[in-house]
Protein backbone atom coordinates (compact mmCIF):
# COMPACT_ATOMS: atom_id res chain seq x y z
CA UNK A 1 30.27 -2.28 -38.99
CA UNK A 2 29.48 -5.77 -37.74
CA UNK A 3 25.96 -6.23 -36.42
CA UNK A 4 25.07 -8.57 -33.56
CA UNK A 5 23.45 -11.86 -34.51
CA UNK A 6 20.10 -12.12 -32.82
CA UNK A 7 18.91 -15.62 -32.04
CA UNK A 8 15.32 -14.53 -31.88
CA UNK A 9 13.20 -11.44 -31.83
CA UNK A 10 9.51 -11.24 -30.99
CA UNK A 11 7.36 -8.56 -32.50
CA UNK A 12 8.14 -6.23 -35.40
CA UNK A 13 11.19 -4.03 -35.09
CA UNK A 14 9.75 -0.56 -35.66
CA UNK A 15 11.56 2.76 -35.45
CA UNK A 16 10.43 4.91 -32.58
CA UNK A 17 10.17 8.68 -32.65
CA UNK A 18 8.89 10.65 -29.68
CA UNK A 19 5.88 12.78 -30.38
CA UNK A 20 6.65 16.47 -30.67
CA UNK A 21 5.53 18.49 -27.68
CA UNK A 22 4.90 22.20 -28.07
CA UNK A 23 5.47 24.33 -24.96
CA UNK A 24 2.38 25.94 -23.55
CA UNK A 25 1.93 29.43 -24.92
CA UNK A 26 4.41 28.91 -27.75
CA UNK A 27 4.02 31.37 -30.59
CA UNK A 28 2.28 34.01 -28.47
CA UNK A 29 3.79 37.48 -28.08
CA UNK A 30 2.94 39.87 -25.24
CA UNK A 31 2.72 43.52 -26.26
CA UNK A 32 2.90 46.46 -23.83
CA UNK A 33 -0.30 48.45 -23.35
CA UNK A 34 -0.48 51.74 -25.25
CA UNK A 35 -1.77 54.70 -23.28
CA UNK A 36 -0.84 57.64 -21.11
CA UNK A 37 1.71 57.15 -18.30
CA UNK A 38 -0.91 58.06 -15.69
CA UNK A 39 -3.36 55.47 -16.86
CA UNK A 40 -0.59 52.88 -17.04
CA UNK A 41 0.57 53.64 -13.51
CA UNK A 42 -2.98 53.44 -12.21
CA UNK A 43 -3.50 50.06 -13.75
CA UNK A 44 -0.18 48.89 -12.35
CA UNK A 45 -1.17 49.99 -8.84
CA UNK A 46 -4.55 48.25 -9.13
CA UNK A 47 -2.85 45.07 -10.33
CA UNK A 48 -0.41 45.08 -7.43
CA UNK A 49 -3.25 45.61 -4.94
CA UNK A 50 -5.24 42.77 -6.51
CA UNK A 51 -2.23 40.46 -6.36
CA UNK A 52 -1.68 41.29 -2.70
CA UNK A 53 -5.34 40.55 -1.91
CA UNK A 54 -5.11 37.18 -3.69
CA UNK A 55 -1.92 36.20 -1.83
CA UNK A 56 -3.45 37.21 1.49
CA UNK A 57 -6.52 35.12 0.72
CA UNK A 58 -4.40 32.11 -0.21
CA UNK A 59 -2.34 32.42 2.94
CA UNK A 60 -5.49 32.77 5.01
CA UNK A 61 -7.04 29.67 3.47
CA UNK A 62 -3.81 27.72 3.96
CA UNK A 63 -3.75 28.67 7.63
CA UNK A 64 -7.48 28.21 8.20
CA UNK A 65 -7.78 24.91 6.30
CA UNK A 66 -4.81 22.65 7.15
CA UNK A 67 -4.57 19.16 5.63
CA UNK A 68 -7.14 16.73 7.02
CA UNK A 69 -4.41 14.36 8.24
CA UNK A 70 -1.17 16.30 8.63
CA UNK A 71 2.05 14.35 8.92
CA UNK A 72 3.11 13.87 12.51
CA UNK A 73 6.83 14.34 12.32
CA UNK A 74 8.73 13.35 15.40
CA UNK A 75 11.60 15.38 16.78
CA UNK A 76 14.09 13.65 14.51
CA UNK A 77 11.86 13.82 11.43
CA UNK A 78 12.13 10.06 10.91
CA UNK A 79 10.39 8.71 7.81
CA UNK A 80 7.38 6.42 8.10
CA UNK A 81 6.89 3.04 6.42
CA UNK A 82 4.22 2.32 3.82
CA UNK A 83 3.39 -0.70 1.71
CA UNK A 84 4.10 -0.57 -2.01
CA UNK A 85 1.02 -0.28 -4.23
CA UNK A 86 2.46 -1.55 -7.50
CA UNK A 87 5.21 -4.07 -8.27
CA UNK A 88 6.53 -5.06 -11.72
CA UNK A 89 9.03 -7.64 -12.94
CA UNK A 90 10.31 -8.95 -16.28
CA UNK A 91 10.95 -12.60 -17.21
CA UNK A 92 13.29 -13.42 -20.12
CA UNK A 93 12.57 -15.40 -23.26
CA UNK A 94 12.55 -19.16 -22.62
CA UNK A 95 15.53 -21.20 -23.77
CA UNK A 96 16.60 -20.69 -27.37
CA UNK A 97 17.32 -23.62 -29.70
CA UNK A 98 16.51 -26.34 -27.15
CA UNK A 99 13.41 -28.46 -26.70
CA UNK A 100 11.79 -28.19 -23.29
CA UNK A 101 8.90 -26.86 -21.25
CA UNK A 102 8.81 -23.63 -19.26
CA UNK A 103 6.57 -22.88 -16.28
CA UNK A 104 5.77 -19.48 -14.74
CA UNK A 105 4.68 -19.25 -11.09
CA UNK A 106 3.48 -16.04 -9.43
CA UNK A 107 2.95 -15.47 -5.71
CA UNK A 108 2.28 -12.76 -3.13
CA UNK A 109 2.73 -13.60 0.58
CA UNK A 110 -0.11 -12.67 2.93
CA UNK A 111 0.36 -9.14 4.23
CA UNK A 112 -0.57 -7.26 7.34
CA UNK A 113 -1.10 -3.86 5.71
CA UNK A 114 -4.30 -2.00 4.93
CA UNK A 115 -4.13 -2.31 1.13
CA UNK A 116 -7.16 -3.95 -0.48
CA UNK A 117 -8.21 -4.95 -3.96
CA UNK A 118 -5.77 -5.01 -6.84
CA UNK A 119 -4.70 -7.77 -9.20
CA UNK A 120 -1.66 -9.67 -10.39
CA UNK A 121 -1.03 -10.76 -13.97
CA UNK A 122 1.53 -11.92 -16.54
CA UNK A 123 1.51 -11.05 -20.27
CA UNK A 124 3.74 -11.80 -23.26
CA UNK A 125 6.04 -8.96 -24.27
CA UNK A 126 5.48 -8.92 -28.04
CA UNK A 127 5.30 -5.60 -29.84
CA UNK A 128 1.67 -5.02 -30.97
CA UNK A 129 1.01 -4.91 -34.69
CA UNK A 130 0.28 -1.50 -36.27
CA UNK A 131 -3.35 -1.20 -37.44
CA UNK A 132 -3.42 -1.01 -41.29
CA UNK A 133 -5.48 2.18 -41.25
CA UNK A 134 -3.21 3.99 -38.80
CA UNK A 135 -0.30 4.74 -41.13
CA UNK A 136 -2.01 7.09 -43.65
CA UNK A 137 -3.74 9.20 -41.02
CA UNK A 138 -1.00 9.34 -38.37
CA UNK A 139 0.32 12.89 -37.78
CA UNK A 140 4.00 13.56 -38.33
CA UNK A 141 4.56 14.15 -34.62
CA UNK A 142 3.18 10.74 -33.63
CA UNK A 143 4.37 8.02 -36.04
CA UNK A 144 2.07 5.12 -36.80
CA UNK A 145 4.82 2.72 -35.79
CA UNK A 146 4.53 3.73 -32.12
CA UNK A 147 2.49 1.07 -30.33
CA UNK A 148 -0.83 1.96 -28.75
CA UNK A 149 0.47 0.71 -25.45
CA UNK A 150 3.61 -0.71 -23.96
CA UNK A 151 2.72 -1.01 -20.35
CA UNK A 152 3.63 -4.43 -18.95
CA UNK A 153 -0.06 -5.26 -18.99
CA UNK A 154 -0.35 -4.72 -22.71
CA UNK A 155 -3.61 -2.83 -22.20
CA UNK A 156 -4.43 -0.02 -24.66
CA UNK A 157 -3.74 3.59 -23.85
CA UNK A 158 -6.31 6.16 -22.79
CA UNK A 159 -9.12 6.90 -25.22
CA UNK A 160 -8.78 10.05 -27.38
CA UNK A 161 -10.51 13.22 -26.26
CA UNK A 162 -14.20 13.09 -27.06
CA UNK A 163 -14.32 9.31 -27.39
CA UNK A 164 -17.07 7.41 -25.61
CA UNK A 165 -14.64 4.59 -24.73
CA UNK A 166 -13.50 4.92 -21.10
CA UNK A 167 -9.82 4.64 -20.21
CA UNK A 168 -8.88 1.13 -19.01
CA UNK A 169 -8.23 0.47 -15.34
CA UNK A 170 -4.45 0.27 -14.98
CA UNK A 171 -4.88 -1.70 -11.77
CA UNK A 172 -6.90 -4.50 -13.36
CA UNK A 173 -5.60 -7.51 -15.28
CA UNK A 174 -5.91 -7.08 -19.07
CA UNK A 175 -8.02 -9.39 -21.16
CA UNK A 176 -4.95 -10.96 -22.80
CA UNK A 177 -3.23 -11.91 -19.51
CA UNK A 178 -1.68 -15.38 -19.76
CA UNK A 179 -1.74 -15.90 -15.99
CA UNK A 180 -3.57 -14.09 -13.20
CA UNK A 181 -3.04 -14.06 -9.44
CA UNK A 182 -6.25 -13.50 -7.51
CA UNK A 183 -5.30 -13.49 -3.83
CA UNK A 184 -2.26 -13.40 -1.53
CA UNK A 185 -1.12 -16.66 0.02
CA UNK A 186 -1.86 -18.98 -2.91
CA UNK A 187 0.47 -19.27 -5.93
CA UNK A 188 -0.76 -19.27 -9.52
CA UNK A 189 1.13 -21.32 -12.10
CA UNK A 190 0.91 -22.01 -15.80
CA UNK A 191 2.96 -22.71 -18.94
CA UNK A 192 5.00 -20.02 -20.64
CA UNK A 193 5.03 -19.61 -24.40
CA UNK A 194 7.72 -21.99 -25.66
CA UNK A 195 9.78 -22.29 -28.83
CA UNK A 196 12.28 -20.12 -30.69
CA UNK A 197 9.63 -17.45 -31.30
CA UNK A 198 8.63 -17.20 -27.64
CA UNK A 199 8.74 -13.68 -26.15
CA UNK A 200 9.66 -12.54 -22.68
CA UNK A 201 7.00 -11.93 -20.06
CA UNK A 202 5.92 -8.84 -18.15
CA UNK A 203 4.51 -9.26 -14.63
CA UNK A 204 2.54 -6.66 -12.64
CA UNK A 205 0.76 -6.67 -9.29
CA UNK A 206 -1.28 -3.85 -7.73
CA UNK A 207 -3.07 -3.12 -4.47
CA UNK A 208 -2.96 -5.89 -1.87
CA UNK A 209 -1.11 -8.17 -4.31
CA UNK A 210 1.83 -5.79 -4.80
CA UNK A 211 3.80 -6.17 -1.51
CA UNK A 212 6.18 -9.11 -1.93
CA UNK A 213 4.91 -10.08 -5.41
CA UNK A 214 7.39 -12.47 -7.05
CA UNK A 215 7.56 -14.61 -10.21
CA UNK A 216 9.74 -17.67 -10.84
CA UNK A 217 10.48 -19.09 -14.30
CA UNK A 218 11.55 -22.76 -14.51
CA UNK A 219 12.50 -24.75 -17.64
CA UNK A 220 13.11 -28.46 -18.02
CA UNK A 221 15.12 -29.30 -21.16
CA UNK A 222 14.27 -32.76 -22.43
CA UNK A 223 16.67 -33.26 -25.35
CA UNK A 224 19.89 -35.13 -24.59
CA UNK A 225 22.40 -32.50 -25.73
CA UNK A 226 21.08 -29.95 -23.27
CA UNK A 227 19.32 -32.02 -20.64
CA UNK A 228 19.04 -30.00 -17.47
CA UNK A 229 17.05 -27.60 -15.31
CA UNK A 230 17.12 -23.81 -15.70
CA UNK A 231 15.41 -21.40 -13.33
CA UNK A 232 15.43 -17.79 -12.21
CA UNK A 233 13.49 -15.26 -10.20
CA UNK A 234 12.21 -12.57 -12.57
CA UNK A 235 13.66 -9.14 -11.82
CA UNK A 236 12.45 -5.54 -12.18
CA UNK A 237 13.46 -3.64 -15.29
CA UNK A 238 16.53 -1.45 -14.80
CA UNK A 239 19.28 0.49 -16.54
CA UNK A 240 22.30 -1.56 -15.41
CA UNK A 241 22.94 -5.30 -14.99
CA UNK A 242 26.13 -7.23 -14.13
CA UNK A 243 26.76 -10.92 -14.90
CA UNK A 244 29.94 -12.85 -14.07
CA UNK A 245 30.71 -16.34 -15.36
CA UNK A 246 29.67 -16.18 -19.01
CA UNK A 247 31.82 -17.84 -21.71
CA UNK A 248 32.14 -18.32 -25.47
CA UNK A 249 34.72 -21.15 -25.33
CA UNK A 250 34.31 -24.89 -25.94
CA UNK A 251 30.70 -26.05 -26.13
CA UNK A 252 29.33 -22.96 -24.40
CA UNK A 253 26.33 -21.27 -26.01
CA UNK A 254 25.49 -18.17 -23.96
CA UNK A 255 22.89 -15.61 -24.95
CA UNK A 256 21.59 -12.39 -23.43
CA UNK A 257 17.84 -11.83 -23.33
CA UNK A 258 16.62 -8.22 -23.50
CA UNK A 259 12.95 -7.44 -22.82
CA UNK A 260 11.50 -3.92 -23.09
CA UNK A 261 8.08 -3.56 -21.41
CA UNK A 262 8.05 0.24 -21.76
CA UNK A 263 6.18 2.48 -24.21
CA UNK A 264 9.34 3.83 -25.84
CA UNK A 265 12.33 2.18 -27.48
CA UNK A 266 15.38 1.35 -25.37
CA UNK A 267 18.99 1.72 -26.49
CA UNK A 268 21.40 -0.79 -24.95
CA UNK A 269 25.18 -1.21 -24.84
CA UNK A 270 26.69 -4.62 -23.99
CA UNK A 271 30.17 -4.46 -22.47
CA UNK A 272 32.19 -7.70 -22.36
CA UNK A 273 35.30 -8.06 -20.16
CA UNK A 274 37.79 -10.92 -20.39
CA UNK A 275 41.22 -11.69 -19.00
CA UNK A 276 42.69 -8.92 -21.18
CA UNK A 277 40.11 -6.28 -20.32
CA UNK A 278 37.28 -4.72 -22.29
CA UNK A 279 36.51 -6.43 -25.62
CA UNK A 280 35.81 -3.63 -28.10
CA UNK A 281 33.09 -4.34 -30.64
CA UNK A 282 30.97 -1.61 -32.23
CA UNK A 283 28.22 -4.16 -32.84
CA UNK A 284 27.68 -4.36 -29.06
CA UNK A 285 26.77 -0.67 -28.82
CA UNK A 286 23.52 1.10 -29.61
CA UNK A 287 21.30 -1.99 -29.81
CA UNK A 288 17.69 -0.82 -30.11
CA UNK A 289 14.95 -2.82 -28.39
CA UNK A 290 11.50 -1.84 -29.67
CA UNK A 291 8.69 -0.97 -27.23
CA UNK A 292 6.95 -3.99 -25.76
CA UNK A 293 9.29 -6.46 -27.46
CA UNK A 294 11.93 -9.10 -26.70
CA UNK A 295 15.16 -10.07 -28.41
CA UNK A 296 18.25 -12.14 -27.68
CA UNK A 297 21.92 -11.70 -28.56
CA UNK A 298 24.48 -14.50 -28.81
CA UNK A 299 27.61 -13.48 -26.90
CA UNK A 300 29.80 -15.34 -29.40
CA UNK A 301 28.87 -12.73 -32.02
CA UNK A 302 30.32 -10.00 -29.80
CA UNK A 303 33.39 -11.57 -28.15
CA UNK A 304 35.70 -11.75 -31.24
CA UNK A 305 36.74 -15.34 -30.63
CA UNK A 306 36.59 -17.83 -27.80
CA UNK A 307 36.88 -16.35 -24.31
CA UNK A 308 36.81 -18.77 -21.38
CA UNK A 309 35.61 -16.39 -18.66
CA UNK A 310 33.55 -13.26 -19.19
CA UNK A 311 31.94 -10.53 -17.14
CA UNK A 312 29.03 -8.84 -18.90
CA UNK A 313 27.74 -5.34 -18.15
CA UNK A 314 24.42 -4.32 -19.72
CA UNK A 315 24.13 -0.51 -19.83
CA UNK A 316 20.82 1.04 -20.94
CA UNK A 317 21.44 4.44 -22.51
CA UNK A 318 17.75 5.33 -22.85
CA UNK A 319 14.66 3.63 -21.49
CA UNK A 320 14.69 0.59 -19.21
CA UNK A 321 14.79 -3.14 -19.91
CA UNK A 322 14.80 -6.51 -18.23
CA UNK A 323 18.03 -8.45 -18.87
CA UNK A 324 18.94 -12.09 -18.21
CA UNK A 325 21.86 -14.26 -19.32
CA UNK A 326 21.52 -17.97 -20.09
CA UNK A 327 24.53 -20.30 -20.24
CA UNK A 328 24.53 -23.79 -21.80
CA UNK A 329 27.60 -26.07 -21.78
CA UNK A 330 26.59 -28.90 -24.08
CA UNK A 331 25.85 -32.09 -22.15
CA UNK A 332 27.53 -30.70 -19.00
CA UNK A 333 24.58 -28.59 -17.94
CA UNK A 334 22.81 -25.28 -18.36
CA UNK A 335 21.15 -22.57 -16.30
CA UNK A 336 20.55 -18.84 -16.03
CA UNK A 337 23.45 -16.76 -14.69
CA UNK A 338 21.68 -14.47 -12.20
CA UNK A 339 22.30 -10.74 -12.23
CA UNK A 340 24.82 -9.82 -9.54
CA UNK A 341 24.49 -7.34 -6.74
CA UNK A 342 26.14 -4.01 -7.57
CA UNK A 343 29.96 -3.95 -7.47
CA UNK A 344 31.12 -3.91 -3.84
CA UNK A 345 34.36 -4.67 -1.92
CA UNK A 346 32.70 -7.67 -0.23
CA UNK A 347 30.55 -10.16 -2.11
CA UNK A 348 28.71 -13.10 -0.51
CA UNK A 349 27.51 -15.99 -2.69
CA UNK A 350 25.12 -18.34 -0.82
CA UNK A 351 23.94 -21.78 -1.90
CA UNK A 352 26.80 -24.29 -2.35
CA UNK A 353 25.39 -27.83 -2.02
CA UNK A 354 27.33 -30.47 -0.12
CA UNK A 355 27.71 -32.68 -3.21
CA UNK A 356 29.32 -29.98 -5.37
CA UNK A 357 31.67 -31.86 -7.72
CA UNK A 358 33.38 -28.77 -9.18
CA UNK A 359 33.29 -25.01 -8.69
CA UNK A 360 34.79 -22.18 -10.77
CA UNK A 361 35.01 -18.63 -9.38
CA UNK A 362 34.99 -15.67 -11.81
CA UNK A 363 35.71 -12.12 -10.57
CA UNK A 364 35.86 -8.72 -12.33
CA UNK A 365 37.57 -5.59 -10.97
CA UNK A 366 36.97 -1.98 -12.14
CA UNK A 367 39.30 -0.27 -14.57
CA UNK A 368 40.98 2.04 -12.05
CA UNK A 369 42.50 -0.41 -9.55
CA UNK A 370 43.59 -4.01 -8.94
CA UNK A 371 41.75 -6.08 -6.33
CA UNK A 372 43.29 -8.50 -3.83
CA UNK A 373 40.62 -10.64 -2.21
CA UNK A 374 40.38 -13.27 0.51
CA UNK A 375 38.33 -16.37 -0.28
CA UNK A 376 36.36 -17.75 2.67
CA UNK A 377 33.68 -20.39 3.13
CA UNK A 378 30.89 -20.42 5.66
CA UNK A 379 30.51 -23.92 7.09
CA UNK A 380 28.36 -25.30 9.86
CA UNK A 381 30.53 -23.66 12.55
CA UNK A 382 31.47 -20.34 10.92
CA UNK A 383 33.90 -18.85 8.41
CA UNK A 384 37.09 -20.64 7.35
CA UNK A 385 39.68 -20.40 4.56
CA UNK A 386 39.79 -23.30 2.06
CA UNK A 387 43.25 -24.85 1.86
CA UNK A 388 45.00 -24.08 -1.43
CA UNK A 389 42.51 -21.37 -2.40
CA UNK A 390 43.15 -18.63 0.11
CA UNK A 391 43.02 -15.60 -2.20
CA UNK A 392 42.60 -14.26 -5.72
CA UNK A 393 44.26 -11.29 -7.47
CA UNK A 394 42.24 -9.41 -10.11
CA UNK A 395 43.90 -6.88 -12.41
CA UNK A 396 42.16 -3.56 -13.05
CA UNK A 397 39.46 -3.78 -15.73
CA UNK A 398 40.01 -7.52 -16.21
CA UNK A 399 38.52 -10.86 -15.26
CA UNK A 400 40.30 -13.47 -13.12
CA UNK A 401 39.11 -17.03 -12.54
CA UNK A 402 40.14 -19.96 -10.37
CA UNK A 403 39.01 -23.58 -10.20
CA UNK A 404 38.06 -24.46 -6.63
CA UNK A 405 37.35 -28.15 -7.27
CA UNK A 406 35.31 -29.95 -4.60
CA UNK A 407 35.69 -26.97 -2.33
CA UNK A 408 32.74 -27.80 -0.05
CA UNK A 409 34.26 -31.16 1.11
CA UNK A 410 30.77 -32.70 1.37
CA UNK A 411 29.37 -29.91 3.54
CA UNK A 412 26.98 -27.12 2.55
CA UNK A 413 28.53 -23.67 2.40
CA UNK A 414 28.36 -20.05 1.38
CA UNK A 415 31.33 -18.24 -0.20
CA UNK A 416 32.62 -14.78 0.70
CA UNK A 417 35.11 -12.51 -1.07
CA UNK A 418 36.51 -9.61 0.95
CA UNK A 419 39.52 -7.27 0.71
CA UNK A 420 42.84 -8.77 1.80
CA UNK A 421 43.67 -5.31 3.13
CA UNK A 422 40.79 -3.35 4.64
CA UNK A 423 42.54 -0.12 3.64
CA UNK A 424 42.49 -1.18 0.00
CA UNK A 425 38.83 -1.98 -0.69
CA UNK A 426 38.02 -2.29 -4.39
CA UNK A 427 34.43 -2.96 -5.57
CA UNK A 428 34.15 -6.19 -7.56
CA UNK A 429 31.57 -8.40 -9.29
CA UNK A 430 31.68 -12.17 -8.72
CA UNK A 431 30.03 -15.32 -10.06
CA UNK A 432 30.47 -19.01 -9.22
CA UNK A 433 29.70 -21.99 -11.45
CA UNK A 434 28.65 -25.17 -9.62
CA UNK A 435 28.56 -28.69 -11.06
CA UNK A 436 26.83 -31.73 -9.57
CA UNK A 437 27.63 -35.15 -11.04
CA UNK A 438 25.58 -38.32 -10.78
CA UNK A 439 26.90 -41.83 -10.27
CA UNK A 440 26.89 -42.41 -14.02
CA UNK A 441 29.05 -39.36 -14.71
CA UNK A 442 26.22 -37.21 -16.08
CA UNK A 443 26.07 -33.70 -14.68
CA UNK A 444 24.18 -30.43 -14.51
CA UNK A 445 25.40 -26.93 -13.71
CA UNK A 446 24.10 -23.84 -11.92
CA UNK A 447 25.51 -20.37 -11.26
CA UNK A 448 25.61 -18.33 -8.05
CA UNK A 449 26.28 -14.62 -7.78
CA UNK A 450 26.96 -11.88 -5.26
CA UNK A 451 23.78 -11.37 -3.21
CA UNK A 452 22.40 -8.84 -0.76
CA UNK A 453 20.94 -9.84 2.65
CA UNK A 454 17.38 -11.11 2.82
CA UNK A 455 16.37 -8.21 5.02
CA UNK A 456 12.86 -8.40 6.45
CA UNK A 457 11.41 -10.93 4.00
CA UNK A 458 12.18 -12.84 0.79
CA UNK A 459 10.14 -15.31 -1.27
CA UNK A 460 10.77 -17.84 -4.04
CA UNK A 461 7.70 -19.14 -5.83
CA UNK A 462 8.08 -22.46 -7.67
CA UNK A 463 8.72 -25.27 -5.17
CA UNK A 464 7.73 -28.91 -5.56
CA UNK A 465 7.20 -31.80 -3.19
CA UNK A 466 10.50 -33.27 -1.98
CA UNK A 467 12.55 -31.14 -4.39
CA UNK A 468 13.47 -27.90 -2.56
CA UNK A 469 16.37 -27.23 -0.16
CA UNK A 470 17.09 -23.93 1.60
CA UNK A 471 20.67 -22.73 2.22
CA UNK A 472 20.84 -20.01 4.90
CA UNK A 473 24.02 -18.18 5.96
CA UNK A 474 24.35 -15.68 8.80
CA UNK A 475 27.18 -13.38 7.71
CA UNK A 476 27.36 -11.69 11.13
CA UNK A 477 25.80 -12.53 14.49
CA UNK A 478 23.79 -15.66 15.23
CA UNK A 479 20.33 -15.32 13.72
CA UNK A 480 16.80 -16.69 13.86
CA UNK A 481 14.66 -16.93 10.74
CA UNK A 482 11.10 -18.07 10.10
CA UNK A 483 10.40 -20.20 7.03
CA UNK A 484 6.81 -20.43 5.75
CA UNK A 485 5.55 -22.81 3.09
CA UNK A 486 2.43 -21.41 1.42
CA UNK A 487 -0.67 -23.32 0.43
CA UNK A 488 -0.25 -25.23 -2.81
CA UNK A 489 -1.51 -23.86 -6.10
CA UNK A 490 -4.16 -26.59 -6.02
CA UNK A 491 -4.70 -26.80 -2.27
CA UNK A 492 -2.98 -27.43 1.05
CA UNK A 493 -2.44 -25.86 4.48
CA UNK A 494 0.57 -23.54 5.06
CA UNK A 495 3.39 -24.74 7.33
CA UNK A 496 5.95 -22.74 9.33
CA UNK A 497 9.37 -23.64 10.72
CA UNK A 498 11.85 -21.64 12.82
CA UNK A 499 15.57 -22.04 12.06
CA UNK A 500 18.57 -21.07 14.23
CA UNK A 501 21.78 -20.01 12.47
CA UNK A 502 25.19 -19.82 14.22
CA UNK A 503 27.31 -16.69 13.78
CA UNK A 504 29.01 -16.94 10.39
CA UNK A 505 27.51 -20.37 9.83
CA UNK A 506 25.51 -22.02 7.04
CA UNK A 507 22.55 -24.35 7.51
CA UNK A 508 20.75 -26.40 4.85
CA UNK A 509 17.19 -27.60 5.51
CA UNK A 510 14.70 -29.49 3.39
CA UNK A 511 11.94 -27.00 2.68
CA UNK A 512 8.88 -27.38 4.92
CA UNK A 513 5.85 -28.40 2.87
CA UNK A 514 2.17 -27.57 3.29
CA UNK A 515 -0.07 -30.33 4.64
CA UNK A 516 -2.23 -31.85 1.91
CA UNK A 517 -0.07 -30.28 -0.81
CA UNK A 518 -1.59 -30.15 -4.26
CA UNK A 519 0.46 -28.40 -6.96
CA UNK A 520 3.45 -26.11 -6.40
CA UNK A 521 4.06 -23.88 -3.38
CA UNK A 522 6.05 -20.82 -2.35
CA UNK A 523 8.67 -20.42 0.38
CA UNK A 524 8.96 -17.20 2.39
CA UNK A 525 11.93 -16.51 4.69
CA UNK A 526 11.75 -13.76 7.34
CA UNK A 527 14.64 -12.56 9.50
CA UNK A 528 13.43 -12.42 13.11
CA UNK A 529 16.70 -11.56 14.89
CA UNK A 530 20.46 -11.36 14.40
CA UNK A 531 22.16 -11.65 11.06
CA UNK A 532 22.43 -10.26 8.42
CA UNK A 533 21.23 -13.41 6.63
CA UNK A 534 21.76 -14.38 3.00
CA UNK A 535 20.14 -17.41 1.45
CA UNK A 536 19.32 -19.46 -1.62
CA UNK A 537 16.86 -22.13 -2.70
CA UNK A 538 17.94 -25.23 -4.65
CA UNK A 539 15.32 -27.00 -6.75
CA UNK A 540 16.47 -30.53 -7.64
CA UNK A 541 14.54 -32.72 -10.11
CA UNK A 542 16.60 -35.75 -11.21
CA UNK A 543 15.70 -36.89 -14.72
CA UNK A 544 17.17 -39.71 -16.85
CA UNK A 545 20.06 -40.21 -14.40
CA UNK A 546 20.97 -36.50 -14.62
CA UNK A 547 21.03 -34.66 -11.24
CA UNK A 548 19.15 -31.67 -12.67
CA UNK A 549 19.13 -28.67 -10.36
CA UNK A 550 18.93 -24.88 -10.25
CA UNK A 551 19.72 -22.38 -7.46
CA UNK A 552 18.05 -19.01 -6.84
CA UNK A 553 19.25 -16.47 -4.30
CA UNK A 554 16.69 -15.11 -1.83
CA UNK A 555 16.32 -11.36 -2.16
CA UNK A 556 14.55 -8.80 0.00
CA UNK A 557 11.11 -8.32 -1.54
CA UNK A 558 11.07 -4.55 -0.82
CA UNK A 559 7.38 -4.74 0.03
CA UNK A 560 7.58 -1.49 1.99
CA UNK A 561 9.03 1.93 1.24
CA UNK A 562 10.23 4.78 3.44
CA UNK A 563 8.01 7.87 3.22
CA UNK A 564 9.65 11.11 4.43
CA UNK A 565 7.84 13.22 7.01
CA UNK A 566 6.27 16.43 5.71
CA UNK A 567 5.42 19.59 7.65
CA UNK A 568 2.86 22.24 6.76
CA UNK A 569 4.45 25.37 5.23
CA UNK A 570 1.99 28.00 3.88
CA UNK A 571 4.91 30.22 2.95
CA UNK A 572 5.62 27.96 -0.02
CA UNK A 573 3.13 30.02 -2.08
CA UNK A 574 5.47 33.00 -1.82
CA UNK A 575 8.53 31.14 -3.20
């Protein structure tokens, strides 16, 4: 069986075995009482009477002592809204095999909720070493190889029973945090661990720092063969990820980063789809990612030869991981391919710059049906169909691709795929490669993907003076959004701008910047009316005549959750 070639792994790869758990009361046997029938019946009657008294008392207490603040359900039983109290994300390993510098920026927008306190922090995801004395004394049910902790914070687990050491505060930043965020409204930034041995990063925020907490990872590659800018917004760990637009052909070097911040091992399958369907390879199945560790897999070791266009599905059989896919095309550019929205009949990809020199669309359809899709662009006045690229046909279980060329015609745009026949709606996954070329012919590349609407609020953290552009598309009715630039990481006064979007139209605006900016800043976009609105941020930092850029979609920060209404029901004790 061929094994995948891992470019890099951080932390020791230890086998993981769950500790044995014995059911309560196991091994005990209940024997019937020995005695005369009369005595037995008497005891039975007394027991029944006692049980009835206890139930009556419980019911009486439940009726007499209702909850201090009972839920006030309305007639429709509508759920209420509450702020999240803990948010976590995972950032991938920095670039592999290339010289550059990576920056991590964390930010929480100011909130209006009642949450107080809390902390935000980032830590390396490297599996902790096993203490030398742990192996001989470890019980069989809890192997010494299991790490003491694998929470994203890296803090140790609770102290053993009888120990004088108190359990650590899970809502406080650990001592080994590489970056801490102390208050909403001001970003914190710092360097990531770089080099081929660099691990991924776990990010956690609690209390008042949890709602809207976001982390951006940005890398500048300085060596000529891979000169370019790579960036992404770190995502929560999950059990399924889709990427469209990967490749193992030509000069492409694409690798998948897997980061496991959990306390147990994760088992991952990597499914690759090309223009002939699923690419079978046993080496892509059952990949174990140790607790609290990071590792990367070269796609070329799994694709069985050069494949020009790939869709990648990461399926986590057990546990949860963070997954990210980086694509590098020699001197033509490099960037992260963002994880796509879930397969859906309509996919919207925001963020096409006006000076796009080339664009390549890659689409995957599920194994049970072909997909026929319309290709539309959102321009300054609404949706239109690009001449010569009106549609795309995707066979079931396969990938189809089309070169769109200079499809934007020197205007900013968003791209939409939708069913050619509304009665034949097939869920798809889509990705779009963008190239921008300078006057000297040097270029950089970025990838867009299917995105969900911004919703109430979305934030992107790492923005720099004169380098950020917002692309906003209203996919439905005309919309109004509010854009807020935070204070800088080193100082500055926040700035706000209101933007009007025509129905179906796309607008590009230079990002507003805080007055007296010092350092980097965050951008927050809020939908005030109309829409739905999708959006993206382009960060452009020209370097050595290369138009280096990266594009990140704006995603709803899910800073609130719906809490169902509950009604008092004392009868539950009888069920």
